[in-house]
Amino acid sequence: MIAEQGREACACKFRSYPEIQPFSCRKLDVSSDESIFAPVKQITQISTTFDKLDVLVNNAGINLEGRPGPITHVTLLETFEVNTFGPMILTSAPAPLLTNSNDPRTVNIFSCLGSIGGRLDSNDPWYEFAGDAYRTSKAALNMASASHNFDNTKTSSRPSRFA
């Protein structure tokens, strides 16, 4: 429900800017390759409407560590699937559409909980927050984003950016 409200708020906000039209906002299940690749395929088939992608925003995130007991393989895998693997796949899926943009951007929404420095700093406001699977998955997303930026800088004169 909250994700749907956020998607609608985002869509309403951006539709009010004529300079960024056409605008499309898609809800995806980043743990499903089919959910990721289907909209990319649809967009490329309707190239008269969308022949490029200027900005890709990844805002996936789950924290499953409210479950009782010690951390498990299942918790780690499910957390990494949504927080790290999904955004990595989603970032590579629309690569041809990003290449068509004059100023392509990929924005991965991180969390301060993914900061290694913050985890080691007892003055950090989130220092006491446990969430090891969540923290680790968001730190991995930081590296995936840096790697994506590096790869695109080496192969393209118009690299995607990360924030």
C-alpha atoms as a PDB file:
ATOM      1  CA  MET A   1       0.000   0.000   0.000  1.00  0.00           C
ATOM      2  CA  ILE A   2       2.743   2.463   0.943  1.00  0.00           C
ATOM      3  CA  ALA A   3       4.768   1.568  -2.167  1.00  0.00           C
ATOM      4  CA  GLU A   4       1.707   2.149  -4.361  1.00  0.00           C
ATOM      5  CA  GLN A   5       1.033   5.529  -2.722  1.00  0.00           C
ATOM      6  CA  GLY A   6       4.660   6.514  -3.257  1.00  0.00           C
ATOM      7  CA  ARG A   7       4.548   5.480  -6.907  1.00  0.00           C
ATOM      8  CA  GLU A   8       1.386   7.507  -7.485  1.00  0.00           C
ATOM      9  CA  ALA A   9       2.784  10.553  -5.673  1.00  0.00           C
ATOM     10  CA  CYS A  10       5.937  10.357  -7.785  1.00  0.00           C
ATOM     11  CA  ALA A  11       3.965   9.959 -11.001  1.00  0.00           C
ATOM     12  CA  CYS A  12       1.661  12.891 -10.173  1.00  0.00           C
ATOM     13  CA  LYS A  13       4.588  15.129  -9.318  1.00  0.00           C
ATOM     14  CA  PHE A  14       6.546  14.410 -12.497  1.00  0.00           C
ATOM     15  CA  ARG A  15       3.550  14.595 -14.830  1.00  0.00           C
ATOM     16  CA  SER A  16       3.254  18.274 -13.868  1.00  0.00           C
ATOM     17  CA  TYR A  17       6.574  19.076 -15.598  1.00  0.00           C
ATOM     18  CA  PRO A  18       6.018  19.411 -19.368  1.00  0.00           C
ATOM     19  CA  GLU A  19       9.763  19.436 -20.061  1.00  0.00           C
ATOM     20  CA  ILE A  20      10.100  15.816 -18.922  1.00  0.00           C
ATOM     21  CA  GLN A  21       7.223  14.375 -20.914  1.00  0.00           C
ATOM     22  CA  PRO A  22       6.485  11.682 -21.764  1.00  0.00           C
ATOM     23  CA  PHE A  23       6.896  10.323 -18.246  1.00  0.00           C
ATOM     24  CA  SER A  24       6.235   6.799 -17.057  1.00  0.00           C
ATOM     25  CA  CYS A  25       6.465   5.248 -13.616  1.00  0.00           C
ATOM     26  CA  ARG A  26       6.414   1.460 -13.286  1.00  0.00           C
ATOM     27  CA  LYS A  27       5.937  -0.741 -10.242  1.00  0.00           C
ATOM     28  CA  LEU A  28       8.204  -3.802 -10.484  1.00  0.00           C
ATOM     29  CA  ASP A  29       8.989  -6.878  -8.460  1.00  0.00           C
ATOM     30  CA  VAL A  30      12.787  -6.659  -8.521  1.00  0.00           C
ATOM     31  CA  SER A  31      13.060 -10.267  -7.333  1.00  0.00           C
ATOM     32  CA  SER A  32      11.551 -11.399 -10.673  1.00  0.00           C
ATOM     33  CA  ASP A  33      13.462 -11.234 -13.959  1.00  0.00           C
ATOM     34  CA  GLU A  34      10.121 -11.320 -15.804  1.00  0.00           C
ATOM     35  CA  SER A  35       8.866  -8.285 -13.883  1.00  0.00           C
ATOM     36  CA  ILE A  36      12.083  -6.412 -14.686  1.00  0.00           C
ATOM     37  CA  PHE A  37      12.414  -7.266 -18.383  1.00  0.00           C
ATOM     38  CA  ALA A  38       8.717  -7.061 -19.397  1.00  0.00           C
ATOM     39  CA  PRO A  39       8.427  -3.253 -19.140  1.00  0.00           C
ATOM     40  CA  VAL A  40      11.762  -2.779 -20.910  1.00  0.00           C
ATOM     41  CA  LYS A  41      10.479  -4.957 -23.754  1.00  0.00           C
ATOM     42  CA  GLN A  42       7.189  -3.023 -23.856  1.00  0.00           C
ATOM     43  CA  ILE A  43       8.968   0.315 -23.914  1.00  0.00           C
ATOM     44  CA  THR A  44      11.308  -0.695 -26.744  1.00  0.00           C
ATOM     45  CA  GLN A  45       8.363  -2.054 -28.780  1.00  0.00           C
ATOM     46  CA  ILE A  46       6.544   1.264 -28.416  1.00  0.00           C
ATOM     47  CA  SER A  47       9.542   3.260 -29.535  1.00  0.00           C
ATOM     48  CA  THR A  48       7.398   6.033 -30.998  1.00  0.00           C
ATOM     49  CA  THR A  49       6.460   6.980 -27.448  1.00  0.00           C
ATOM     50  CA  PHE A  50       9.635   6.013 -25.599  1.00  0.00           C
ATOM     51  CA  ASP A  51      12.790   5.742 -27.675  1.00  0.00           C
ATOM     52  CA  LYS A  52      15.063   6.488 -24.748  1.00  0.00           C
ATOM     53  CA  LEU A  53      15.325   6.383 -21.002  1.00  0.00           C
ATOM     54  CA  ASP A  54      16.805   9.455 -19.340  1.00  0.00           C
ATOM     55  CA  VAL A  55      16.523   8.491 -15.677  1.00  0.00           C
ATOM     56  CA  LEU A  56      16.208   5.115 -14.001  1.00  0.00           C
ATOM     57  CA  VAL A  57      15.440   5.238 -10.268  1.00  0.00           C
ATOM     58  CA  ASN A  58      15.860   2.105  -8.165  1.00  0.00           C
ATOM     59  CA  ASN A  59      14.130   2.416  -4.807  1.00  0.00           C
ATOM     60  CA  ALA A  60      13.826  -1.227  -3.769  1.00  0.00           C
ATOM     61  CA  GLY A  61      14.382  -2.231  -0.198  1.00  0.00           C
ATOM     62  CA  ILE A  62      13.248  -4.701   2.434  1.00  0.00           C
ATOM     63  CA  ASN A  63      14.372  -5.419   5.966  1.00  0.00           C
ATOM     64  CA  LEU A  64      13.358  -8.886   7.153  1.00  0.00           C
ATOM     65  CA  GLU A  65      15.278  -8.867  10.396  1.00  0.00           C
ATOM     66  CA  GLY A  66      12.251  -8.462  12.602  1.00  0.00           C
ATOM     67  CA  ARG A  67      11.926 -12.221  12.379  1.00  0.00           C
ATOM     68  CA  PRO A  68      12.663 -14.030  15.626  1.00  0.00           C
ATOM     69  CA  GLY A  69      15.898 -15.999  16.006  1.00  0.00           C
ATOM     70  CA  PRO A  70      19.354 -15.750  14.449  1.00  0.00           C
ATOM     71  CA  ILE A  71      19.988 -14.604  10.901  1.00  0.00           C
ATOM     72  CA  THR A  72      19.417 -17.349   8.332  1.00  0.00           C
ATOM     73  CA  HIS A  73      20.338 -18.133   4.747  1.00  0.00           C
ATOM     74  CA  VAL A  74      16.741 -17.425   3.768  1.00  0.00           C
ATOM     75  CA  THR A  75      16.817 -13.961   5.357  1.00  0.00           C
ATOM     76  CA  LEU A  76      20.136 -13.135   3.698  1.00  0.00           C
ATOM     77  CA  LEU A  77      19.065 -14.414   0.277  1.00  0.00           C
ATOM     78  CA  GLU A  78      15.678 -12.682   0.305  1.00  0.00           C
ATOM     79  CA  THR A  79      17.219  -9.413   1.494  1.00  0.00           C
ATOM     80  CA  PHE A  80      20.004  -9.467  -1.108  1.00  0.00           C
ATOM     81  CA  GLU A  81      17.572 -10.532  -3.842  1.00  0.00           C
ATOM     82  CA  VAL A  82      15.483  -7.376  -3.374  1.00  0.00           C
ATOM     83  CA  ASN A  83      18.062  -4.864  -2.118  1.00  0.00           C
ATOM     84  CA  THR A  84      21.062  -5.776  -4.292  1.00  0.00           C
ATOM     85  CA  PHE A  85      20.462  -8.356  -7.034  1.00  0.00           C
ATOM     86  CA  GLY A  86      17.196  -6.825  -8.296  1.00  0.00           C
ATOM     87  CA  PRO A  87      18.544  -3.285  -8.681  1.00  0.00           C
ATOM     88  CA  MET A  88      21.690  -4.653 -10.377  1.00  0.00           C
ATOM     89  CA  ILE A  89      19.602  -6.553 -12.935  1.00  0.00           C
ATOM     90  CA  LEU A  90      17.194  -3.647 -13.353  1.00  0.00           C
ATOM     91  CA  THR A  91      20.112  -1.303 -14.028  1.00  0.00           C
ATOM     92  CA  SER A  92      21.441  -3.501 -16.833  1.00  0.00           C
ATOM     93  CA  ALA A  93      18.070  -4.358 -18.431  1.00  0.00           C
ATOM     94  CA  PRO A  94      17.334  -0.965 -20.053  1.00  0.00           C
ATOM     95  CA  ALA A  95      20.948  -0.277 -21.112  1.00  0.00           C
ATOM     96  CA  PRO A  96      20.043   0.288 -24.804  1.00  0.00           C
ATOM     97  CA  LEU A  97      17.388   2.841 -23.837  1.00  0.00           C
ATOM     98  CA  LEU A  98      19.820   4.671 -21.538  1.00  0.00           C
ATOM     99  CA  THR A  99      22.372   4.739 -24.356  1.00  0.00           C
ATOM    100  CA  ASN A 100      19.852   6.658 -26.502  1.00  0.00           C
ATOM    101  CA  SER A 101      19.641   9.470 -23.931  1.00  0.00           C
ATOM    102  CA  ASN A 102      21.748  12.623 -24.176  1.00  0.00           C
ATOM    103  CA  ASP A 103      22.239  12.608 -20.407  1.00  0.00           C
ATOM    104  CA  PRO A 104      21.425   9.165 -18.953  1.00  0.00           C
ATOM    105  CA  ARG A 105      21.214   8.765 -15.198  1.00  0.00           C
ATOM    106  CA  THR A 106      20.814   5.777 -12.945  1.00  0.00           C
ATOM    107  CA  VAL A 107      19.873   6.622  -9.377  1.00  0.00           C
ATOM    108  CA  ASN A 108      20.023   3.928  -6.729  1.00  0.00           C
ATOM    109  CA  ILE A 109      18.397   4.889  -3.457  1.00  0.00           C
ATOM    110  CA  PHE A 110      20.757   3.891  -0.703  1.00  0.00           C
ATOM    111  CA  SER A 111      20.505   3.884   3.048  1.00  0.00           C
ATOM    112  CA  CYS A 112      22.876   5.367   5.576  1.00  0.00           C
ATOM    113  CA  LEU A 113      22.714   1.901   7.138  1.00  0.00           C
ATOM    114  CA  GLY A 114      24.825   0.657   4.212  1.00  0.00           C
ATOM    115  CA  SER A 115      27.720   2.880   5.210  1.00  0.00           C
ATOM    116  CA  ILE A 116      30.703   0.906   6.459  1.00  0.00           C
ATOM    117  CA  GLY A 117      32.146   4.043   8.054  1.00  0.00           C
ATOM    118  CA  GLY A 118      28.847   4.732   9.813  1.00  0.00           C
ATOM    119  CA  ARG A 119      28.745   1.189  11.167  1.00  0.00           C
ATOM    120  CA  LEU A 120      32.187   1.648  12.700  1.00  0.00           C
ATOM    121  CA  ASP A 121      31.472   5.117  14.120  1.00  0.00           C
ATOM    122  CA  SER A 122      29.955   5.001  17.618  1.00  0.00           C
ATOM    123  CA  ASN A 123      28.771   8.605  17.115  1.00  0.00           C
ATOM    124  CA  ASP A 124      26.661   7.659  14.072  1.00  0.00           C
ATOM    125  CA  PRO A 125      22.948   8.046  14.873  1.00  0.00           C
ATOM    126  CA  TRP A 126      22.243   4.550  13.487  1.00  0.00           C
ATOM    127  CA  TYR A 127      25.198   2.858  15.212  1.00  0.00           C
ATOM    128  CA  GLU A 128      23.005   0.739  17.523  1.00  0.00           C
ATOM    129  CA  PHE A 129      20.664  -0.436  14.766  1.00  0.00           C
ATOM    130  CA  ALA A 130      21.389  -4.121  14.129  1.00  0.00           C
ATOM    131  CA  GLY A 131      19.968  -5.172  10.736  1.00  0.00           C
ATOM    132  CA  ASP A 132      23.104  -6.926   9.517  1.00  0.00           C
ATOM    133  CA  ALA A 133      21.514  -8.437   6.384  1.00  0.00           C
ATOM    134  CA  TYR A 134      19.946  -5.094   5.427  1.00  0.00           C
ATOM    135  CA  ARG A 135      23.157  -3.170   6.143  1.00  0.00           C
ATOM    136  CA  THR A 136      25.272  -5.612   4.146  1.00  0.00           C
ATOM    137  CA  SER A 137      22.894  -5.652   1.177  1.00  0.00           C
ATOM    138  CA  LYS A 138      22.866  -1.849   0.961  1.00  0.00           C
ATOM    139  CA  ALA A 139      26.676  -1.720   1.211  1.00  0.00           C
ATOM    140  CA  ALA A 140      26.779  -4.220  -1.661  1.00  0.00           C
ATOM    141  CA  LEU A 141      24.403  -1.983  -3.652  1.00  0.00           C
ATOM    142  CA  ASN A 142      26.844   0.891  -3.151  1.00  0.00           C
ATOM    143  CA  MET A 143      29.622  -1.195  -4.733  1.00  0.00           C
ATOM    144  CA  ALA A 144      27.326  -2.409  -7.524  1.00  0.00           C
ATOM    145  CA  SER A 145      26.485   1.221  -8.307  1.00  0.00           C
ATOM    146  CA  ALA A 146      30.137   2.247  -8.315  1.00  0.00           C
ATOM    147  CA  SER A 147      30.954  -0.699 -10.603  1.00  0.00           C
ATOM    148  CA  HIS A 148      28.090   0.198 -12.954  1.00  0.00           C
ATOM    149  CA  ASN A 149      29.358   3.764 -13.122  1.00  0.00           C
ATOM    150  CA  PHE A 150      32.933   2.575 -13.762  1.00  0.00           C
ATOM    151  CA  ASP A 151      31.815   0.159 -16.499  1.00  0.00           C
ATOM    152  CA  ASN A 152      29.785   2.843 -18.263  1.00  0.00           C
ATOM    153  CA  THR A 153      32.565   5.407 -17.973  1.00  0.00           C
ATOM    154  CA  LYS A 154      34.934   2.999 -19.735  1.00  0.00           C
ATOM    155  CA  THR A 155      32.552   2.034 -22.557  1.00  0.00           C
ATOM    156  CA  SER A 156      30.493   5.147 -23.239  1.00  0.00           C
ATOM    157  CA  SER A 157      31.026   8.852 -23.742  1.00  0.00           C
ATOM    158  CA  ARG A 158      27.752   9.365 -21.842  1.00  0.00           C
ATOM    159  CA  PRO A 159      28.002   7.336 -18.642  1.00  0.00           C
ATOM    160  CA  SER A 160      25.072   6.831 -16.365  1.00  0.00           C
ATOM    161  CA  ARG A 161      25.494   8.435 -12.986  1.00  0.00           C
ATOM    162  CA  PHE A 162      24.755   7.144  -9.538  1.00  0.00           C
ATOM    163  CA  ALA A 163      23.762   9.001  -6.412  1.00  0.00           C
END
